[in-house]
Amino acid sequence: MSRKLLIILISFLLIAGIGGFLAYRMVFQDAPLSVENEKADFVISAAALVSAFETNESQAMKRYGGKIIEVHGEIDEITIKETSTTIVLKSPEDLFGVLCTFDSSVANAGSFRKGSAITVKGICNGYLTDVALNKCSLIK
């Protein structure tokens, strides 16, 4: 085997190993399985959180992305599935809101009512048309 081919092979294996490690870290990052007993990094209204992302998405993502956020607002939409429940918090005059995803273990998902004011805690995952919070728990 020529020296040049050996260097290329070692470089490829090194790059593949680093890429594999980074992919593993992205998938299995150190996010808590449940945020219910975790302290919130930020407490904010749904309208203010959406406004922060609409004003400057990159700055808002740096501030809130991957963080545990406690959000209060009014339920506008409710979707209950077998594996998850999602609600959207926003006021009727808002175009976009905060999409909160709960896993199937949420005991009182059936008690969500459109128009109710609630507080939710979850991990901010970014912004498409709504700000997305995952692994949510209901704050009493």
C-alpha atoms as a PDB file:
ATOM      1  CA  MET A   1       0.000   0.000   0.000  1.00  0.00           C
ATOM      2  CA  SER A   2       1.440   3.334  -0.946  1.00  0.00           C
ATOM      3  CA  ARG A   3       2.115   5.977   1.678  1.00  0.00           C
ATOM      4  CA  LYS A   4      -0.327   8.434   0.010  1.00  0.00           C
ATOM      5  CA  LEU A   5      -3.184   5.889   0.053  1.00  0.00           C
ATOM      6  CA  LEU A   6      -2.485   5.091   3.725  1.00  0.00           C
ATOM      7  CA  ILE A   7      -2.656   8.799   4.673  1.00  0.00           C
ATOM      8  CA  ILE A   8      -5.950   9.186   2.778  1.00  0.00           C
ATOM      9  CA  LEU A   9      -7.395   6.098   4.484  1.00  0.00           C
ATOM     10  CA  ILE A  10      -6.353   7.274   7.973  1.00  0.00           C
ATOM     11  CA  SER A  11      -7.729  10.771   7.281  1.00  0.00           C
ATOM     12  CA  PHE A  12     -11.038   9.311   6.102  1.00  0.00           C
ATOM     13  CA  LEU A  13     -11.348   7.099   9.183  1.00  0.00           C
ATOM     14  CA  LEU A  14     -10.519  10.018  11.474  1.00  0.00           C
ATOM     15  CA  ILE A  15     -13.119  12.279   9.822  1.00  0.00           C
ATOM     16  CA  ALA A  16     -15.732   9.482   9.905  1.00  0.00           C
ATOM     17  CA  GLY A  17     -15.015   8.881  13.600  1.00  0.00           C
ATOM     18  CA  ILE A  18     -15.382  12.560  14.485  1.00  0.00           C
ATOM     19  CA  GLY A  19     -18.580  12.801  12.407  1.00  0.00           C
ATOM     20  CA  GLY A  20     -19.999   9.730  14.132  1.00  0.00           C
ATOM     21  CA  PHE A  21     -19.185  11.132  17.571  1.00  0.00           C
ATOM     22  CA  LEU A  22     -20.826  14.483  16.748  1.00  0.00           C
ATOM     23  CA  ALA A  23     -23.930  12.755  15.369  1.00  0.00           C
ATOM     24  CA  TYR A  24     -24.147  10.642  18.538  1.00  0.00           C
ATOM     25  CA  ARG A  25     -23.885  13.762  20.724  1.00  0.00           C
ATOM     26  CA  MET A  26     -26.616  15.533  18.738  1.00  0.00           C
ATOM     27  CA  VAL A  27     -29.022  12.614  19.061  1.00  0.00           C
ATOM     28  CA  PHE A  28     -28.267  11.740  22.677  1.00  0.00           C
ATOM     29  CA  GLN A  29     -27.555  15.197  24.061  1.00  0.00           C
ATOM     30  CA  ASP A  30     -27.772  15.748  27.793  1.00  0.00           C
ATOM     31  CA  ALA A  31     -31.336  17.103  27.777  1.00  0.00           C
ATOM     32  CA  PRO A  32     -33.408  15.915  30.725  1.00  0.00           C
ATOM     33  CA  LEU A  33     -36.029  13.240  30.047  1.00  0.00           C
ATOM     34  CA  SER A  34     -38.583  15.328  31.923  1.00  0.00           C
ATOM     35  CA  VAL A  35     -38.536  19.011  32.743  1.00  0.00           C
ATOM     36  CA  GLU A  36     -41.159  18.719  35.467  1.00  0.00           C
ATOM     37  CA  ASN A  37     -38.642  18.852  38.329  1.00  0.00           C
ATOM     38  CA  GLU A  38     -36.104  21.071  36.550  1.00  0.00           C
ATOM     39  CA  LYS A  39     -35.732  24.802  37.208  1.00  0.00           C
ATOM     40  CA  ALA A  40     -36.756  27.014  34.302  1.00  0.00           C
ATOM     41  CA  ASP A  41     -34.025  29.137  32.720  1.00  0.00           C
ATOM     42  CA  PHE A  42     -36.625  31.722  31.627  1.00  0.00           C
ATOM     43  CA  VAL A  43     -40.210  32.636  32.574  1.00  0.00           C
ATOM     44  CA  ILE A  44     -42.024  34.462  29.770  1.00  0.00           C
ATOM     45  CA  SER A  45     -45.447  34.945  28.187  1.00  0.00           C
ATOM     46  CA  ALA A  46     -46.264  33.143  24.943  1.00  0.00           C
ATOM     47  CA  ALA A  47     -46.735  36.475  23.143  1.00  0.00           C
ATOM     48  CA  ALA A  48     -43.344  37.789  24.298  1.00  0.00           C
ATOM     49  CA  LEU A  49     -41.568  34.566  23.290  1.00  0.00           C
ATOM     50  CA  VAL A  50     -43.088  34.600  19.795  1.00  0.00           C
ATOM     51  CA  SER A  51     -42.277  38.305  19.465  1.00  0.00           C
ATOM     52  CA  ALA A  52     -38.625  37.643  20.366  1.00  0.00           C
ATOM     53  CA  PHE A  53     -38.362  35.038  17.576  1.00  0.00           C
ATOM     54  CA  GLU A  54     -40.219  37.206  15.047  1.00  0.00           C
ATOM     55  CA  THR A  55     -37.996  40.202  15.811  1.00  0.00           C
ATOM     56  CA  ASN A  56     -34.624  38.426  15.606  1.00  0.00           C
ATOM     57  CA  GLU A  57     -34.751  34.648  15.218  1.00  0.00           C
ATOM     58  CA  SER A  58     -31.003  34.027  15.480  1.00  0.00           C
ATOM     59  CA  GLN A  59     -30.639  36.108  18.648  1.00  0.00           C
ATOM     60  CA  ALA A  60     -33.715  34.486  20.201  1.00  0.00           C
ATOM     61  CA  MET A  61     -32.401  31.023  19.318  1.00  0.00           C
ATOM     62  CA  LYS A  62     -29.078  31.816  20.990  1.00  0.00           C
ATOM     63  CA  ARG A  63     -30.916  32.970  24.107  1.00  0.00           C
ATOM     64  CA  TYR A  64     -33.734  30.391  24.355  1.00  0.00           C
ATOM     65  CA  GLY A  65     -32.646  27.437  22.188  1.00  0.00           C
ATOM     66  CA  GLY A  66     -32.160  24.233  24.158  1.00  0.00           C
ATOM     67  CA  LYS A  67     -33.153  25.988  27.386  1.00  0.00           C
ATOM     68  CA  ILE A  68     -35.985  25.110  29.753  1.00  0.00           C
ATOM     69  CA  ILE A  69     -38.628  27.814  29.458  1.00  0.00           C
ATOM     70  CA  GLU A  70     -41.750  28.395  31.526  1.00  0.00           C
ATOM     71  CA  VAL A  71     -44.408  29.932  29.273  1.00  0.00           C
ATOM     72  CA  HIS A  72     -47.836  31.232  30.220  1.00  0.00           C
ATOM     73  CA  GLY A  73     -50.615  31.869  27.766  1.00  0.00           C
ATOM     74  CA  GLU A  74     -54.058  30.975  26.504  1.00  0.00           C
ATOM     75  CA  ILE A  75     -54.803  27.633  24.814  1.00  0.00           C
ATOM     76  CA  ASP A  76     -55.820  28.197  21.196  1.00  0.00           C
ATOM     77  CA  GLU A  77     -55.525  24.671  19.740  1.00  0.00           C
ATOM     78  CA  ILE A  78     -55.427  21.147  21.205  1.00  0.00           C
ATOM     79  CA  THR A  79     -54.379  17.952  19.390  1.00  0.00           C
ATOM     80  CA  ILE A  80     -54.481  14.643  21.278  1.00  0.00           C
ATOM     81  CA  LYS A  81     -52.834  11.585  19.677  1.00  0.00           C
ATOM     82  CA  GLU A  82     -51.885   8.143  21.008  1.00  0.00           C
ATOM     83  CA  THR A  83     -48.257   9.043  21.657  1.00  0.00           C
ATOM     84  CA  SER A  84     -48.447  12.765  22.357  1.00  0.00           C
ATOM     85  CA  THR A  85     -50.593  15.795  23.062  1.00  0.00           C
ATOM     86  CA  THR A  86     -49.872  19.203  21.552  1.00  0.00           C
ATOM     87  CA  ILE A  87     -51.346  22.557  22.434  1.00  0.00           C
ATOM     88  CA  VAL A  88     -50.769  25.980  20.930  1.00  0.00           C
ATOM     89  CA  LEU A  89     -50.604  28.941  23.291  1.00  0.00           C
ATOM     90  CA  LYS A  90     -51.540  32.309  21.807  1.00  0.00           C
ATOM     91  CA  SER A  91     -54.043  35.074  22.092  1.00  0.00           C
ATOM     92  CA  PRO A  92     -56.834  35.283  19.484  1.00  0.00           C
ATOM     93  CA  GLU A  93     -55.292  38.342  17.801  1.00  0.00           C
ATOM     94  CA  ASP A  94     -51.881  36.637  17.357  1.00  0.00           C
ATOM     95  CA  LEU A  95     -51.076  34.918  14.085  1.00  0.00           C
ATOM     96  CA  PHE A  96     -48.478  32.524  15.552  1.00  0.00           C
ATOM     97  CA  GLY A  97     -47.987  30.971  18.973  1.00  0.00           C
ATOM     98  CA  VAL A  98     -46.037  28.507  21.077  1.00  0.00           C
ATOM     99  CA  LEU A  99     -46.467  24.849  20.110  1.00  0.00           C
ATOM    100  CA  CYS A 100     -46.124  22.736  23.280  1.00  0.00           C
ATOM    101  CA  THR A 101     -45.665  18.970  22.914  1.00  0.00           C
ATOM    102  CA  PHE A 102     -46.401  16.661  25.844  1.00  0.00           C
ATOM    103  CA  ASP A 103     -45.661  12.933  25.768  1.00  0.00           C
ATOM    104  CA  SER A 104     -48.396  10.364  26.314  1.00  0.00           C
ATOM    105  CA  SER A 105     -47.757  10.247  30.074  1.00  0.00           C
ATOM    106  CA  VAL A 106     -49.523  13.589  30.668  1.00  0.00           C
ATOM    107  CA  ALA A 107     -52.284  12.455  32.987  1.00  0.00           C
ATOM    108  CA  ASN A 108     -54.570  15.459  32.612  1.00  0.00           C
ATOM    109  CA  ALA A 109     -54.301  16.089  28.857  1.00  0.00           C
ATOM    110  CA  GLY A 110     -58.050  15.596  28.594  1.00  0.00           C
ATOM    111  CA  SER A 111     -58.598  18.533  30.936  1.00  0.00           C
ATOM    112  CA  PHE A 112     -57.098  21.058  28.476  1.00  0.00           C
ATOM    113  CA  ARG A 113     -59.774  23.500  27.293  1.00  0.00           C
ATOM    114  CA  LYS A 114     -59.526  26.028  24.482  1.00  0.00           C
ATOM    115  CA  GLY A 115     -59.387  29.550  25.904  1.00  0.00           C
ATOM    116  CA  SER A 116     -57.976  28.425  29.272  1.00  0.00           C
ATOM    117  CA  ALA A 117     -54.969  30.259  30.658  1.00  0.00           C
ATOM    118  CA  ILE A 118     -52.181  27.844  31.627  1.00  0.00           C
ATOM    119  CA  THR A 119     -48.459  27.723  32.353  1.00  0.00           C
ATOM    120  CA  VAL A 120     -46.245  25.152  30.652  1.00  0.00           C
ATOM    121  CA  LYS A 121     -42.571  24.292  31.063  1.00  0.00           C
ATOM    122  CA  GLY A 122     -40.576  22.753  28.200  1.00  0.00           C
ATOM    123  CA  ILE A 123     -37.370  22.776  26.155  1.00  0.00           C
ATOM    124  CA  CYS A 124     -37.263  25.356  23.356  1.00  0.00           C
ATOM    125  CA  ASN A 125     -36.389  23.714  20.042  1.00  0.00           C
ATOM    126  CA  GLY A 126     -36.669  26.660  17.678  1.00  0.00           C
ATOM    127  CA  TYR A 127     -39.098  28.459  15.451  1.00  0.00           C
ATOM    128  CA  LEU A 128     -40.893  27.600  12.240  1.00  0.00           C
ATOM    129  CA  THR A 129     -44.242  29.342  12.219  1.00  0.00           C
ATOM    130  CA  ASP A 130     -44.710  28.663  15.933  1.00  0.00           C
ATOM    131  CA  VAL A 131     -42.071  28.496  18.646  1.00  0.00           C
ATOM    132  CA  ALA A 132     -41.638  24.790  19.505  1.00  0.00           C
ATOM    133  CA  LEU A 133     -41.370  23.500  23.082  1.00  0.00           C
ATOM    134  CA  ASN A 134     -40.820  19.768  23.615  1.00  0.00           C
ATOM    135  CA  LYS A 135     -40.888  17.492  26.664  1.00  0.00           C
ATOM    136  CA  CYS A 136     -43.451  19.808  28.211  1.00  0.00           C
ATOM    137  CA  SER A 137     -45.036  19.557  31.620  1.00  0.00           C
ATOM    138  CA  LEU A 138     -47.992  21.445  33.001  1.00  0.00           C
ATOM    139  CA  ILE A 139     -47.277  23.867  35.858  1.00  0.00           C
ATOM    140  CA  LYS A 140     -49.993  23.919  38.494  1.00  0.00           C
END
